[in-house]
Protein backbone atom coordinates (compact mmCIF):
# COMPACT_ATOMS: atom_id res chain seq x y z
CA MET A 1 0.09 82.45 147.05
CA VAL A 2 -0.82 79.36 144.96
CA TYR A 3 1.11 78.07 142.06
CA HIS A 4 -0.95 75.86 139.37
CA LYS A 5 0.01 73.59 136.46
CA SER A 6 -0.46 76.34 133.99
CA ARG A 7 -0.60 79.65 135.43
CA VAL A 8 0.09 81.34 138.70
CA VAL A 9 -2.75 82.92 140.81
CA ALA A 10 -1.35 85.47 143.36
CA PHE A 11 -3.19 87.41 146.20
CA ARG A 12 -1.54 91.14 144.85
CA PHE A 13 -3.24 94.18 146.17
CA CYS A 14 -1.96 96.36 143.10
CA SER A 15 -5.78 97.32 142.06
CA PRO A 16 -7.87 99.94 142.91
CA ARG A 17 -10.24 97.65 144.72
CA PRO A 18 -8.44 94.90 146.36
CA PHE A 19 -11.02 93.36 148.29
CA ILE A 20 -12.90 92.27 144.90
CA THR A 21 -9.75 91.34 143.29
CA LEU A 22 -9.16 88.75 146.25
CA LYS A 23 -12.65 87.70 146.00
CA ARG A 24 -12.54 87.20 142.21
CA HIS A 25 -9.07 84.99 142.77
CA VAL A 26 -10.74 82.95 145.66
CA HIS A 27 -13.87 82.13 143.13
CA LEU A 28 -11.56 81.03 140.73
CA LEU A 29 -9.53 78.87 143.69
CA ARG A 30 -12.89 77.04 144.46
CA LEU A 31 -13.67 76.32 140.75
CA ARG A 32 -10.73 75.42 139.02
CA ARG A 33 -10.02 71.69 139.27
CA ARG A 34 -6.55 71.28 137.87
CA ARG A 35 -3.86 69.22 139.59
CA VAL A 36 -1.90 71.22 141.89
CA SER A 37 1.88 70.90 141.67
CA THR A 38 3.33 73.34 144.47
CA TYR A 39 1.70 75.82 146.96
CA ILE A 40 3.64 78.37 149.18
CA TYR A 41 2.25 79.46 152.68
CA GLN A 42 4.15 82.67 153.78
CA THR A 43 4.02 83.79 157.51
CA PRO A 44 5.07 87.16 158.85
CA THR A 45 8.51 84.95 160.03
CA GLU A 46 9.38 82.78 156.95
CA SER A 47 8.08 81.38 153.95
CA LEU A 48 7.34 77.67 153.92
CA THR A 49 7.91 75.96 150.37
CA THR A 50 6.51 72.36 150.30
CA ALA A 51 6.51 70.43 146.48
CA VAL A 52 3.43 67.98 146.14
CA ALA A 53 4.09 65.16 143.65
CA PRO A 54 1.26 64.32 141.05
CA ALA A 55 -1.65 62.93 143.29
CA THR A 56 -4.68 60.60 142.89
CA PRO A 57 -8.23 62.46 142.68
CA ARG A 58 -8.82 61.95 146.23
CA VAL A 59 -5.78 63.41 147.23
CA ASP A 60 -6.80 66.75 144.71
CA ARG A 61 -9.98 66.90 146.50
CA ASP A 62 -8.42 67.06 149.63
CA LEU A 63 -6.21 69.49 148.86
CA ARG A 64 -8.83 71.82 147.11
CA ASP A 65 -10.67 71.54 150.08
CA GLU A 66 -7.71 72.72 152.05
CA MET A 67 -6.88 75.95 150.00
CA ALA A 68 -10.86 76.38 149.65
CA THR A 69 -11.02 76.77 153.72
CA ALA A 70 -7.67 78.52 153.94
CA ALA A 71 -9.32 81.20 151.26
CA ASP A 72 -12.50 81.18 153.40
CA GLN A 73 -10.32 82.04 156.40
CA LEU A 74 -8.34 85.08 154.28
CA MET A 75 -11.56 86.48 153.61
CA SER A 76 -12.47 86.63 157.18
CA PRO A 77 -12.53 90.26 158.55
CA ALA A 78 -9.81 89.19 161.15
CA ALA A 79 -7.39 88.49 158.26
CA LEU A 80 -8.64 91.40 155.84
CA ALA A 81 -7.57 93.88 158.80
CA THR A 82 -3.99 92.55 158.55
CA ILE A 83 -3.69 93.29 155.07
CA ALA A 84 -0.45 95.79 154.67
CA THR A 85 -0.37 98.13 151.73
CA VAL A 86 2.33 99.92 150.53
CA SER A 87 2.75 103.81 150.00
CA ASN A 88 3.33 105.31 146.72
CA GLY A 89 1.42 102.51 144.42
CA GLN A 90 4.06 99.90 145.14
CA GLN A 91 2.92 96.08 145.36
CA SER A 92 2.46 93.92 148.50
CA LEU A 93 2.21 90.44 148.92
CA LEU A 94 -0.58 89.00 151.49
CA ALA A 95 2.25 88.00 154.43
CA THR A 96 -0.76 86.95 157.14
CA THR A 97 -3.39 84.27 157.36
CA ALA A 98 -5.27 82.77 159.75
CA PRO A 99 -3.97 80.23 162.61
CA SER A 100 -5.83 77.29 161.72
CA ALA A 101 -5.16 77.47 158.13
CA ALA A 102 -1.35 77.80 158.57
CA ALA A 103 -1.84 74.75 160.88
CA ALA A 104 -3.45 72.76 158.42
CA MET A 105 -0.72 72.98 155.52
CA ALA A 106 1.75 72.17 158.24
CA VAL A 107 0.49 69.04 159.46
CA ARG A 108 -0.78 68.28 155.59
CA ASN A 109 3.54 68.34 155.11
CA GLY A 110 4.42 66.40 158.54
CA GLN A 111 5.44 69.49 160.13
CA GLU A 112 4.56 71.27 163.57
CA PRO A 113 1.77 74.35 163.05
CA GLN A 114 3.92 77.70 162.68
CA GLU A 115 3.29 80.04 165.58
CA LEU A 116 2.10 83.32 163.98
CA VAL A 117 3.75 86.84 165.22
CA GLU A 118 1.54 89.07 166.85
CA SER A 119 0.08 92.11 164.75
CA GLN A 120 2.04 95.07 165.44
CA LYS A 121 0.35 98.09 167.17
CA SER A 122 1.87 100.46 164.40
CA THR A 123 -0.38 100.76 161.29
CA SER A 124 2.78 100.92 159.32
CA PRO A 125 3.29 97.36 157.19
CA LYS A 126 5.14 94.84 158.88
CA PRO A 127 7.93 93.22 156.62
CA SER A 128 9.25 89.51 156.94
CA PRO A 129 12.50 90.01 158.74
CA MET A 130 16.00 89.24 157.51
CA PRO A 131 16.30 85.40 156.66
CA SER A 132 18.89 84.12 158.95
CA LEU A 133 21.68 82.25 157.42
CA LYS A 134 22.05 78.68 158.84
CA LEU A 135 25.57 77.79 159.00
CA ASN A 136 26.40 74.03 157.68
CA LYS A 137 29.36 71.92 159.71
CA MET A 138 31.82 72.91 156.84
CA GLY A 139 30.99 76.66 157.52
CA SER A 140 29.20 77.29 154.29
CA VAL A 141 25.78 79.45 154.21
CA SER A 142 22.86 77.47 153.73
CA SER A 143 21.26 77.42 150.23
CA LYS A 144 18.24 78.95 151.19
CA GLU A 145 19.79 82.58 150.25
CA LYS A 146 22.42 83.44 147.90
CA ARG A 147 25.28 85.53 148.81
CA VAL A 148 27.42 87.62 146.78
CA TYR A 149 30.39 89.36 148.80
CA LYS A 150 32.31 91.65 147.21
CA ILE A 151 35.99 92.40 148.88
CA VAL A 152 38.92 94.87 147.96
CA LEU A 153 42.51 93.53 148.51
CA THR A 154 44.52 96.47 148.96
CA GLY A 155 47.86 98.01 150.46
CA GLY A 156 51.36 99.06 149.43
CA PRO A 157 53.82 97.01 147.07
CA CYS A 158 54.56 93.52 148.09
CA GLY A 159 52.24 92.91 150.44
CA GLY A 160 50.62 89.69 149.42
CA LYS A 161 47.77 90.34 147.72
CA THR A 162 48.39 88.25 144.43
CA THR A 163 48.91 85.27 147.19
CA GLY A 164 45.92 86.24 149.15
CA GLN A 165 43.69 86.14 146.10
CA SER A 166 44.93 82.60 145.22
CA ARG A 167 44.40 81.38 149.17
CA LEU A 168 41.11 82.98 149.22
CA CYS A 169 40.07 81.38 145.93
CA THR A 170 40.92 77.90 146.61
CA PHE A 171 39.33 77.72 150.41
CA PHE A 172 36.23 79.42 149.18
CA GLU A 173 35.66 77.15 146.17
CA ASN A 174 36.41 74.29 148.26
CA LEU A 175 33.45 75.30 150.20
CA GLY A 176 31.26 75.50 146.98
CA TRP A 177 31.44 79.23 146.57
CA LYS A 178 31.62 80.65 142.96
CA VAL A 179 34.64 82.84 143.21
CA PHE A 180 35.46 85.84 140.50
CA ARG A 181 38.68 87.60 140.78
CA VAL A 182 38.59 90.94 139.38
CA PRO A 183 41.90 92.08 137.89
CA GLU A 184 43.89 95.19 139.08
CA THR A 185 43.00 97.94 136.67
CA ALA A 186 45.77 100.03 136.83
CA THR A 187 48.24 97.14 136.13
CA VAL A 188 46.31 96.42 133.07
CA LEU A 189 46.73 100.09 131.65
CA LEU A 190 50.50 100.69 132.93
CA SER A 191 51.58 97.06 131.13
CA GLY A 192 50.31 98.62 127.55
CA GLY A 193 53.12 100.76 127.90
CA VAL A 194 52.08 103.84 129.97
CA LYS A 195 54.21 105.33 132.22
CA PHE A 196 53.25 107.35 135.11
CA SER A 197 56.26 109.38 135.59
CA ASP A 198 56.22 110.57 131.80
CA LEU A 199 52.63 111.92 131.84
CA THR A 200 52.23 115.90 132.40
CA GLU A 201 50.08 117.03 135.28
CA LYS A 202 46.91 117.20 133.22
CA GLU A 203 47.43 113.92 131.49
CA ALA A 204 47.84 112.18 134.68
CA TYR A 205 44.71 113.72 136.13
CA LYS A 206 42.60 112.66 133.17
CA PHE A 207 44.72 109.08 133.26
CA GLN A 208 43.49 108.64 136.89
CA GLU A 209 40.03 109.57 135.94
CA ASN A 210 39.81 107.50 133.10
CA LEU A 211 41.30 104.51 135.31
CA ILE A 212 38.33 104.99 137.86
CA ARG A 213 35.87 104.77 135.13
CA THR A 214 37.37 101.76 133.56
CA MET A 215 37.55 99.95 137.08
CA VAL A 216 34.16 100.71 137.69
CA GLN A 217 32.88 99.28 134.73
CA ILE A 218 35.34 96.27 135.07
CA GLU A 219 33.80 95.55 138.54
CA ASN A 220 30.29 96.13 137.69
CA THR A 221 30.38 93.31 134.61
CA TYR A 222 31.95 90.87 137.47
CA PHE A 223 29.07 91.89 140.20
CA GLU A 224 26.46 91.28 137.69
CA LEU A 225 27.94 87.99 137.26
CA GLY A 226 27.99 87.38 140.96
CA ASN A 227 24.37 88.50 141.24
CA SER A 228 23.11 86.08 138.16
CA SER A 229 25.21 83.14 139.88
CA THR A 230 23.29 80.39 141.28
CA ARG A 231 25.64 79.63 143.79
CA ASN A 232 27.41 81.72 146.98
CA CYS A 233 29.52 84.37 145.27
CA LEU A 234 32.92 85.99 146.48
CA ILE A 235 33.90 88.51 144.48
CA ILE A 236 37.87 89.62 145.01
CA CYS A 237 38.61 92.92 143.72
CA ASP A 238 42.68 93.77 143.45
CA ARG A 239 42.58 97.39 144.31
CA GLY A 240 39.03 99.21 144.75
CA VAL A 241 37.71 102.97 143.46
CA MET A 242 39.34 104.77 146.96
CA ASP A 243 42.84 103.54 145.94
CA ALA A 244 43.20 106.12 143.09
CA SER A 245 42.93 108.89 145.78
CA ALA A 246 46.50 107.77 147.34
CA TYR A 247 48.63 108.99 143.71
CA ILE A 248 46.97 112.36 143.42
CA SER A 249 46.38 115.68 145.76
CA LYS A 250 43.34 115.91 147.90
CA ASP A 251 42.36 118.85 146.15
CA LYS A 252 42.50 117.10 142.83
CA TRP A 253 40.42 114.10 144.36
CA GLU A 254 38.04 116.06 145.40
CA LYS A 255 37.42 117.88 142.48
CA MET A 256 37.31 114.79 140.61
CA MET A 257 34.78 113.33 142.86
CA ALA A 258 32.59 116.47 142.57
CA GLY A 259 33.01 116.71 138.46
CA ASN A 260 31.82 113.16 138.15
CA LYS A 261 29.22 113.38 140.89
CA TRP A 262 30.60 110.83 142.78
CA ASN A 263 30.72 110.80 146.85
CA PRO A 264 32.64 108.94 149.18
CA VAL A 265 29.92 106.80 151.12
CA GLU A 266 28.64 105.35 147.49
CA MET A 267 32.19 104.74 146.22
CA ARG A 268 33.69 103.64 149.23
CA ASP A 269 31.40 102.16 151.58
CA ASN A 270 28.06 100.74 149.87
CA ARG A 271 30.10 99.59 146.84
CA TYR A 272 32.22 96.90 148.68
CA ASN A 273 31.75 94.60 151.93
CA GLN A 274 35.12 94.62 153.04
CA ILE A 275 38.29 96.25 153.01
CA LEU A 276 41.46 94.06 153.34
CA HIS A 277 44.52 96.14 153.73
CA LEU A 278 47.69 93.80 153.24
CA VAL A 279 50.58 95.95 155.13
CA SER A 280 53.69 95.88 152.51
CA ALA A 281 56.52 93.94 153.65
CA ALA A 282 58.55 97.18 153.47
CA ASN A 283 56.48 98.17 156.51
CA GLY A 284 57.85 95.47 159.28
CA ALA A 285 59.56 92.61 157.03
CA GLU A 286 61.74 94.49 154.99
CA ASP A 287 63.78 91.64 154.59
CA PHE A 288 61.55 90.30 152.33
CA TYR A 289 60.78 93.26 150.11
CA SER A 290 61.21 92.80 146.49
CA THR A 291 60.53 94.14 142.99
CA GLU A 292 61.88 91.35 141.05
CA ASP A 293 58.66 89.41 140.99
CA HIS A 294 56.38 91.96 139.50
CA ALA A 295 56.58 93.58 136.15
CA CYS A 296 55.24 97.07 137.12
CA ARG A 297 56.76 97.15 140.52
CA SER A 298 59.83 99.73 140.68
CA GLU A 299 59.32 101.18 144.19
CA GLY A 300 61.95 101.21 146.86
CA VAL A 301 61.42 100.41 150.53
CA ASP A 302 60.91 103.81 151.33
CA LEU A 303 58.37 104.99 148.67
CA ALA A 304 56.67 101.79 149.33
CA ARG A 305 56.36 102.61 152.85
CA GLU A 306 54.92 105.93 151.80
CA LEU A 307 51.99 104.35 149.38
CA ASP A 308 51.46 101.76 151.73
CA TYR A 309 50.22 104.51 154.29
CA LYS A 310 48.36 106.63 151.68
CA SER A 311 46.44 103.51 150.21
CA ALA A 312 45.34 102.60 153.91
CA ALA A 313 44.47 106.33 154.62
CA ALA A 314 42.29 106.08 151.22
CA TRP A 315 39.96 103.69 152.98
CA VAL A 316 39.85 104.92 156.52
CA GLY A 317 36.02 105.52 157.17
CA HIS A 318 34.76 102.25 155.77
CA PRO A 319 32.88 100.14 158.18
CA TYR A 320 34.74 96.85 157.86
CA PHE A 321 38.26 97.79 156.97
CA ASP A 322 40.74 95.23 158.20
CA VAL A 323 44.63 95.76 158.40
CA ILE A 324 46.73 92.52 158.02
CA ASP A 325 49.97 93.47 159.14
CA ASN A 326 53.62 91.60 159.21
CA SER A 327 53.39 90.96 163.22
CA THR A 328 53.67 87.07 162.10
CA ASN A 329 55.34 85.34 159.35
CA PHE A 330 53.84 85.06 156.09
CA GLU A 331 52.07 81.72 156.05
CA ALA A 332 49.89 82.87 159.26
CA LYS A 333 49.56 86.38 157.46
CA MET A 334 47.22 84.36 154.82
CA ASN A 335 45.73 82.48 157.41
CA ARG A 336 44.53 85.98 159.35
CA LEU A 337 43.13 87.23 156.03
CA ILE A 338 41.05 84.05 155.36
CA GLU A 339 39.88 84.42 158.84
CA SER A 340 39.04 87.98 158.74
CA VAL A 341 36.48 87.02 155.70
CA CYS A 342 35.26 84.13 157.30
CA GLN A 343 34.38 86.36 160.25
CA LYS A 344 32.69 88.93 158.43
CA VAL A 345 30.65 86.58 156.03
CA GLY A 346 29.56 84.31 159.38
CA ILE A 347 31.07 81.20 158.24
CA ASP A 348 31.93 78.92 161.20
CA ILE A 349 35.62 77.64 160.42
CA GLY A 350 35.95 75.53 163.72
CA ASP A 351 39.27 74.91 164.52
CA ARG A 352 40.31 74.85 160.74
CA LEU A 353 42.44 78.40 160.87
CA GLN A 354 43.77 79.25 164.31
CA ALA A 355 41.93 82.43 165.87
CA THR A 356 44.49 85.03 166.08
CA SER A 357 42.58 88.53 165.87
CA ARG A 358 40.10 89.52 168.76
CA LYS A 359 37.63 93.01 168.87
CA LEU A 360 39.05 95.21 171.87
CA LYS A 361 37.01 97.87 173.59
CA TYR A 362 38.28 100.32 175.84
CA LEU A 363 36.76 103.46 177.93
CA VAL A 364 37.92 106.62 177.22
CA ALA A 365 37.64 109.30 179.94
CA MET A 366 37.56 112.46 177.83
CA LEU A 367 38.27 113.54 173.86
CA PRO A 368 41.58 115.95 173.05
CA PRO A 369 41.26 118.28 170.53
CA ASP A 370 40.99 117.51 166.78
CA SER A 371 44.30 118.94 166.20
CA GLU A 372 45.73 115.87 168.08
CA PHE A 373 44.47 113.26 165.66
CA PRO A 374 45.97 111.73 162.89
CA PRO A 375 44.01 111.71 159.65
CA PHE A 376 40.29 110.87 160.21
CA GLN A 377 36.76 110.36 158.94
CA ASP A 378 33.73 111.26 161.11
CA PHE A 379 30.38 109.80 160.55
CA ASP A 380 26.70 109.98 162.06
CA VAL A 381 25.63 106.40 162.94
CA VAL A 382 22.20 105.47 164.40
CA HIS A 383 21.40 101.81 165.60
CA HIS A 384 18.23 100.24 166.04
CA TYR A 385 17.43 96.91 167.81
CA LEU A 386 14.65 94.87 166.28
CA GLN A 387 12.39 92.16 167.60
CA SER A 388 14.11 88.87 167.40
CA GLY A 389 13.37 85.33 167.08
CA GLY A 390 14.77 84.08 170.24
CA PRO A 391 16.24 85.46 173.76
CA LYS A 392 19.67 84.71 172.32
CA VAL A 393 19.43 85.88 168.97
CA GLN A 394 20.20 90.05 168.64
CA ALA A 395 19.13 91.75 165.83
CA ARG A 396 19.56 95.33 164.66
CA LEU A 397 19.56 97.97 162.03
CA ARG A 398 22.59 100.49 161.61
CA LYS A 399 22.43 103.58 159.18
CA ARG A 400 25.93 105.26 158.90
CA GLY A 401 26.62 108.10 156.71
CA GLN A 402 28.39 111.85 155.97
CA LYS A 403 26.82 114.69 154.35
CA SER A 404 23.47 112.95 154.02
CA HIS A 405 25.03 110.27 152.18
CA TRP A 406 24.12 106.95 154.10
CA SER A 407 24.51 103.16 153.88
CA TYR A 408 22.46 100.60 155.64
CA ILE A 409 23.30 97.41 157.32
CA HIS A 410 21.44 94.48 159.04
CA THR A 411 23.07 92.67 161.81
CA GLN A 412 22.06 89.09 163.28
CA ARG A 413 24.41 88.14 166.54
CA ARG A 414 23.63 84.60 167.19
CA PRO A 415 24.87 82.28 169.92
CA ASN A 416 28.59 80.56 169.82
CA VAL A 417 28.70 77.64 167.41
CA HIS A 418 31.22 75.34 167.70
CA GLY A 419 33.05 77.18 170.42
CA GLN A 420 33.56 80.05 168.04
CA ALA A 421 33.85 83.48 169.92
CA ARG A 422 31.01 84.91 167.87
CA ILE A 423 28.46 84.63 164.97
CA GLU A 424 27.70 87.84 163.15
CA VAL A 425 26.02 87.99 159.92
CA LYS A 426 25.80 91.45 158.10
CA THR A 427 23.70 92.22 155.38
CA GLN A 428 23.91 95.03 153.14
CA LEU A 429 20.30 96.86 152.52
CA THR A 430 18.84 99.22 150.23
CA HIS A 431 16.93 102.23 151.74
CA ARG A 432 13.74 100.94 150.93
CA ASP A 433 14.48 97.60 153.00
CA TYR A 434 15.92 99.39 155.77
CA MET A 435 12.41 101.61 156.28
CA ASN A 436 10.41 98.63 156.00
CA LEU A 437 12.78 96.75 158.71
CA LEU A 438 12.26 99.85 161.09
CA ALA A 439 8.55 98.45 161.31
CA GLN A 440 10.21 95.66 163.88
CA ARG A 441 12.01 98.31 166.14
CA ASP A 442 12.18 96.47 169.71
CA ASP A 443 10.33 99.12 171.87
CA ALA A 444 12.22 97.93 174.99
CA HIS A 445 15.12 99.42 173.26
CA PHE A 446 16.19 103.26 173.15
CA THR A 447 17.47 104.30 169.60
CA ILE A 448 21.33 104.72 170.02
CA TYR A 449 23.07 107.83 168.32
CA LYS A 450 26.51 108.33 167.72
CA LYS A 451 29.07 110.19 166.38
CA ARG A 452 31.71 107.43 165.00
CA ARG A 453 35.51 108.74 164.35
CA CYS A 454 37.92 106.58 162.33
CA PHE A 455 41.75 106.63 162.23
CA LEU A 456 44.78 104.74 161.69
CA ILE A 457 47.81 104.93 163.74
CA ASN A 458 50.97 102.46 163.82
CA ASN A 459 49.23 99.88 161.48
CA GLN A 460 46.20 99.59 163.82
CA TYR A 461 42.56 100.81 163.03
CA PHE A 462 40.34 102.34 165.38
CA GLN A 463 36.83 103.33 165.85
CA LEU A 464 36.01 106.15 168.52
CA ASP A 465 32.39 105.87 169.48
CA ILE A 466 30.96 109.33 170.87
CA TYR A 467 27.49 108.87 172.07
CA LYS A 468 25.19 111.67 171.54
CA GLU A 469 21.63 112.32 172.95
CA PRO A 470 18.79 111.46 173.09
CA GLY A 471 19.60 107.96 174.75
CA HIS A 472 19.65 106.85 178.24
CA PRO A 473 21.65 108.83 180.95
CA ARG A 474 23.63 106.18 181.51
CA CYS A 475 25.07 106.63 177.92
CA LYS A 476 25.66 110.72 178.37
CA GLY A 477 29.25 111.21 177.91
CA LEU A 478 30.00 107.97 177.30
CA VAL A 479 33.13 107.35 174.71
CA LEU A 480 34.34 104.01 173.60
CA LEU A 481 37.43 102.98 171.72
CA GLU A 482 37.16 99.65 169.53
CA THR A 483 39.44 97.82 167.29
CA TYR A 484 40.83 94.41 166.55
CA SER A 485 44.20 92.96 166.91
CA SER A 486 45.92 89.95 167.76
CA LEU A 487 48.78 91.68 169.82
CA THR A 488 48.85 91.12 173.69
CA GLY A 489 51.14 92.86 175.96
CA ASP A 490 53.58 95.67 175.62
CA ALA A 491 53.22 95.04 171.81
CA LEU A 492 49.38 96.11 172.21
CA LYS A 493 50.17 99.14 174.58
CA ASN A 494 52.97 100.32 172.47
CA CYS A 495 50.50 100.48 169.30
CA MET A 496 47.54 102.02 171.35
CA PRO A 497 47.19 105.91 170.76
CA LYS A 498 49.15 107.57 173.19
CA PHE A 499 46.86 110.92 172.94
CA LEU A 500 43.75 109.36 174.24
CA ASN A 501 43.02 109.12 178.26
CA ILE A 502 42.20 105.57 178.33
CA VAL A 503 40.59 104.42 181.23
CA LYS A 504 40.46 100.75 181.38
CA GLU A 505 39.88 97.81 178.84
CA VAL A 506 35.84 97.03 178.89
CA THR A 507 36.32 94.31 176.56
CA GLY A 508 33.40 91.45 177.11
CA ASP A 509 31.88 93.77 180.09
CA PRO A 510 28.17 93.61 179.90
CA ASP A 511 27.85 97.45 181.39
CA TYR A 512 29.60 98.58 178.05
CA SER A 513 27.48 96.43 175.61
CA MET A 514 25.37 98.45 173.07
CA PHE A 515 22.81 96.08 173.71
CA ASN A 516 22.34 96.61 177.31
CA LEU A 517 23.18 100.28 177.37
CA SER A 518 20.00 100.70 175.02
CA LEU A 519 17.79 98.89 177.18
CA LYS A 520 14.90 101.23 178.48
CA GLU A 521 14.39 99.16 181.82
CA ASP A 522 16.88 99.49 184.83
CA TRP A 523 19.64 96.70 184.82
CA SER A 524 18.33 95.54 188.20
CA THR A 525 15.02 94.76 187.30
CA THR A 526 15.15 93.93 183.68
CA LYS A 527 15.53 90.06 182.24
CA LYS A 528 16.63 91.19 179.13
CA PHE A 529 19.93 92.16 180.27
CA CYS A 530 22.36 90.44 178.65
CA ARG A 531 25.52 88.81 180.42
CA THR A 532 28.45 87.43 178.07
CA ALA A 533 30.14 84.01 178.19
CA THR A 534 33.59 86.21 177.84
CA HIS A 535 33.04 88.53 180.95
CA ALA A 536 31.85 85.90 182.99
CA LYS A 537 34.66 83.50 182.63
CA GLY A 538 37.11 86.76 182.97
CA ALA A 539 35.32 87.47 186.15
CA ALA A 540 35.70 84.04 187.37
CA ASN A 541 39.46 84.45 186.74
CA GLY A 542 39.81 87.99 188.49
CA VAL A 543 40.58 89.48 184.95
CA ALA A 544 37.19 90.88 183.95
CA ASN A 545 38.09 94.76 183.75
CA THR A 546 41.80 94.56 183.70
CA PRO A 547 43.32 98.26 182.96
CA LEU A 548 45.28 99.04 180.53
CA VAL A 549 47.64 101.66 181.83
CA LEU A 550 48.92 104.13 179.20
CA ASN A 551 50.85 107.73 179.97
CA GLY A 552 51.07 106.85 183.69
CA GLN A 553 47.64 106.64 184.17
């Protein structure tokens, strides 16, 4: 694409006769003698933007000569063969060109020539991959791509949501982010004189329905502000849509969802990036539970515990649901809250916050009947590994859904940075983005199919991955349990689900890495087998696969 001082000449293939349109643009490019202010060369891997200051006539001639050369090579048969068109009449930018043109432009700007990625064998268009988010020393995301990250703070009464909002706001504003705080809709309505206990059953149902509609509208206002912001933006919602389900029966909730054509995948999974449940002080810190500091709080300890559990159950199934319990003092609880958000966003916090929570993975021998599980949500999950930019970078797509409603996530895992255990950057995608990125599937990996069961027990959130066919024989019958926890020893054992037959802990074991499980080649011959640093360190100390003994096993 070439930007002139007065107009933009773009190679867009939206004409019924794309090659004639291209020739016309090339002709104009050669004849026009206006001063060039900026030009952009886009490769399949990244966009290179270079600003050129007003130049002398000699420089103008040089630039015109270079661009004419690039235009000649764009019209070559090899370049025309790479033109990607998009079905259904969608527009497509020319994303490939001849290597020599790329080298000329790169050298012109004092850079090394960009290596061009080989065209895919597939006839489907190859889109540009997700741009990587580079981490600055202070942990802020590079300004190359603006982030809008939407989180929900939920939990029972007196859990620390108000303080957590303030701490998150201060922390991210110090990193240069714009922070919006969405007020709790229920508090706004109840503070106007509404007493929920005085409402009839019909009035309570209608109140909850209107509350959700009001909440959605308020949140959308802040979401639009975030999208229009020029800075990275964190949007903190004081409770979210699904919290309303904790205050009405399951039948009424389903009736309300059906009547408004809402579905849980859109309202719960796709609407927010992360859910953080701050456990009420009534559950584990009873001495600190108080109703005096909140005008709309009147619940006793027992009712507060019940509401805390119901609000957590309402969000079971969200792909990024973190429980911040009362196992530490309040200051450490707030640090764990900030740490959890930073970890999901992909911000390098260095040693600014002490690392507490870690991912744990366990091998499960067999599944008990569904009746032995606490309330759970089942999802169909599909993983595709993508071609990545380097041997230490992993990129994958995930499709996750219920009843034909889907959410889509792009995940990029990068090597350790400043001693942080791992860096994973997750980006929510539209269906169209997902389908385009599928063109970059890595043929060295099988597609992974799972049934994922999510449940909450003992204030601990678990995900049970049940591998399904088709897939590699090594995945047949495989069941893995995952959770995040800062607990150790007996405290960890006591919170684990006793109804599951857990064989051993496999945290960091490369034999149970999804990346390795999906490899088509045999592990003994392939060079792509990934050995994690965590497992290597554990093996050296003789503690790589220490079994977690439960139920006398």
